[in-house]
């Protein structure tokens, strides 16, 4: 059975299969390139893993929308992204809460437990996370 036919019959299951496949597939590629040495992962490797986890659901959403609804569906999706349904403060709260909580937690662990927990902030990954998180 072709993926398109399966996606038409079971769109939610297809979304989850594609999202997990993209996210974990890319993660396994990065880990295989580092010989599955989790202790010595570089910041670039962890950044790539983070980005692949964020892009999996976003890419699968776009792929399934294109497969099932075509160009009109993609246009409708793009138009709905431009409409603001809440104030800018709510979007800022939604997008910044998790990164700030993570930063505060790592900072406290770095001070009270071990300096290895101190966050090594990378603006590029933060920006990619914000952009990918909006899709």
Protein backbone atom coordinates (compact mmCIF):
# COMPACT_ATOMS: atom_id res chain seq x y z
CA UNK A 1 0.00 0.00 0.00
CA UNK A 2 1.32 3.42 -0.92
CA UNK A 3 1.98 5.96 1.82
CA UNK A 4 -0.53 8.41 0.32
CA UNK A 5 -3.35 5.86 0.50
CA UNK A 6 -2.37 4.92 4.04
CA UNK A 7 -2.23 8.60 5.02
CA UNK A 8 -5.75 9.13 3.65
CA UNK A 9 -7.07 6.19 5.69
CA UNK A 10 -5.16 6.94 8.88
CA UNK A 11 -3.97 10.57 8.89
CA UNK A 12 -3.23 10.80 12.62
CA UNK A 13 -1.25 7.57 12.70
CA UNK A 14 0.63 8.64 9.58
CA UNK A 15 1.49 11.97 11.19
CA UNK A 16 2.92 10.30 14.29
CA UNK A 17 4.82 7.69 12.28
CA UNK A 18 6.34 10.34 10.03
CA UNK A 19 7.13 12.73 12.92
CA UNK A 20 8.83 10.02 14.98
CA UNK A 21 10.59 8.64 11.90
CA UNK A 22 12.06 12.02 10.97
CA UNK A 23 13.00 13.00 14.52
CA UNK A 24 14.49 9.72 15.65
CA UNK A 25 15.97 8.90 12.25
CA UNK A 26 17.95 12.13 12.20
CA UNK A 27 18.93 11.61 15.84
CA UNK A 28 20.23 8.13 15.10
CA UNK A 29 22.23 9.46 12.14
CA UNK A 30 23.90 12.06 14.38
CA UNK A 31 24.56 9.47 17.09
CA UNK A 32 25.94 6.97 14.57
CA UNK A 33 28.32 9.64 13.26
CA UNK A 34 29.61 10.07 16.82
CA UNK A 35 29.87 6.27 17.28
CA UNK A 36 27.10 6.37 19.92
CA UNK A 37 29.50 7.98 22.39
CA UNK A 38 26.96 9.89 24.47
CA UNK A 39 29.52 11.19 26.95
CA UNK A 40 31.59 13.11 24.42
CA UNK A 41 28.84 14.61 22.26
CA UNK A 42 29.86 18.01 20.97
CA UNK A 43 27.57 21.03 21.28
CA UNK A 44 27.05 20.83 17.52
CA UNK A 45 25.85 17.22 17.81
CA UNK A 46 23.45 18.04 20.62
CA UNK A 47 22.24 21.07 18.68
CA UNK A 48 21.56 18.93 15.61
CA UNK A 49 19.65 16.43 17.75
CA UNK A 50 17.60 19.27 19.26
CA UNK A 51 16.79 20.74 15.84
CA UNK A 52 15.85 17.33 14.40
CA UNK A 53 13.47 16.72 17.30
CA UNK A 54 11.80 20.07 16.64
CA UNK A 55 11.64 19.69 12.89
CA UNK A 56 10.14 16.18 12.85
CA UNK A 57 6.56 17.22 13.68
CA UNK A 58 6.77 20.41 11.62
CA UNK A 59 8.03 18.69 8.49
CA UNK A 60 5.55 15.83 8.83
CA UNK A 61 2.72 18.36 9.14
CA UNK A 62 3.79 20.09 5.95
CA UNK A 63 4.31 16.80 4.08
CA UNK A 64 0.92 15.41 5.07
CA UNK A 65 -0.84 18.69 4.29
CA UNK A 66 0.76 18.69 0.84
CA UNK A 67 -0.13 15.02 0.25
CA UNK A 68 -3.70 15.16 1.50
CA UNK A 69 -4.85 18.69 0.65
CA UNK A 70 -2.41 19.81 -2.06
CA UNK A 71 -1.57 23.43 -2.80
CA UNK A 72 -4.90 24.78 -1.53
CA UNK A 73 -4.27 23.12 1.83
CA UNK A 74 -0.77 24.59 2.05
CA UNK A 75 -2.13 28.03 1.16
CA UNK A 76 -4.84 27.73 3.81
CA UNK A 77 -2.24 26.60 6.38
CA UNK A 78 0.03 29.53 5.50
CA UNK A 79 -2.87 31.98 5.75
CA UNK A 80 -3.87 30.64 9.16
CA UNK A 81 -0.32 31.14 10.45
CA UNK A 82 -0.59 34.84 9.72
CA UNK A 83 -3.75 35.36 11.76
CA UNK A 84 -3.15 36.32 15.37
CA UNK A 85 -5.76 34.82 17.65
CA UNK A 86 -4.28 36.11 20.90
CA UNK A 87 -2.28 39.09 22.03
CA UNK A 88 1.47 39.25 21.55
CA UNK A 89 1.99 38.81 25.31
CA UNK A 90 0.41 35.35 25.18
CA UNK A 91 2.63 34.32 22.27
CA UNK A 92 5.69 35.59 24.12
CA UNK A 93 4.61 33.68 27.22
CA UNK A 94 4.07 30.49 25.22
CA UNK A 95 7.37 30.72 23.35
CA UNK A 96 9.64 31.89 26.16
CA UNK A 97 8.38 29.96 29.20
CA UNK A 98 10.10 26.66 28.49
CA UNK A 99 13.49 28.07 27.42
CA UNK A 100 13.59 30.35 30.47
CA UNK A 101 12.60 27.54 32.85
CA UNK A 102 15.24 25.27 31.34
CA UNK A 103 17.87 28.00 31.61
CA UNK A 104 16.97 28.72 35.26
CA UNK A 105 16.99 25.01 36.16
CA UNK A 106 20.38 24.40 34.56
CA UNK A 107 21.79 27.54 36.17
CA UNK A 108 20.64 26.45 39.64
CA UNK A 109 21.96 22.92 39.11
CA UNK A 110 25.26 24.40 37.94
CA UNK A 111 25.58 26.48 41.09
CA UNK A 112 24.39 23.97 43.69
CA UNK A 113 25.26 20.56 42.20
CA UNK A 114 28.05 20.63 39.63
CA UNK A 115 29.48 23.19 37.21
CA UNK A 116 28.90 20.74 34.34
CA UNK A 117 25.22 21.72 34.45
CA UNK A 118 25.90 25.39 33.73
CA UNK A 119 24.13 26.27 30.50
CA UNK A 120 26.26 26.97 27.48
CA UNK A 121 23.82 29.26 25.75
CA UNK A 122 23.86 29.27 21.96
CA UNK A 123 21.77 32.01 20.39
CA UNK A 124 21.61 30.25 17.02
CA UNK A 125 19.96 27.15 18.52
CA UNK A 126 17.62 29.31 20.60
CA UNK A 127 16.49 31.16 17.46
CA UNK A 128 16.01 27.92 15.51
CA UNK A 129 14.03 26.49 18.42
CA UNK A 130 11.73 29.50 18.52
CA UNK A 131 11.14 29.41 14.77
CA UNK A 132 10.61 25.64 14.62
CA UNK A 133 8.40 25.73 17.69
CA UNK A 134 5.96 28.11 15.99
CA UNK A 135 5.09 25.57 13.31
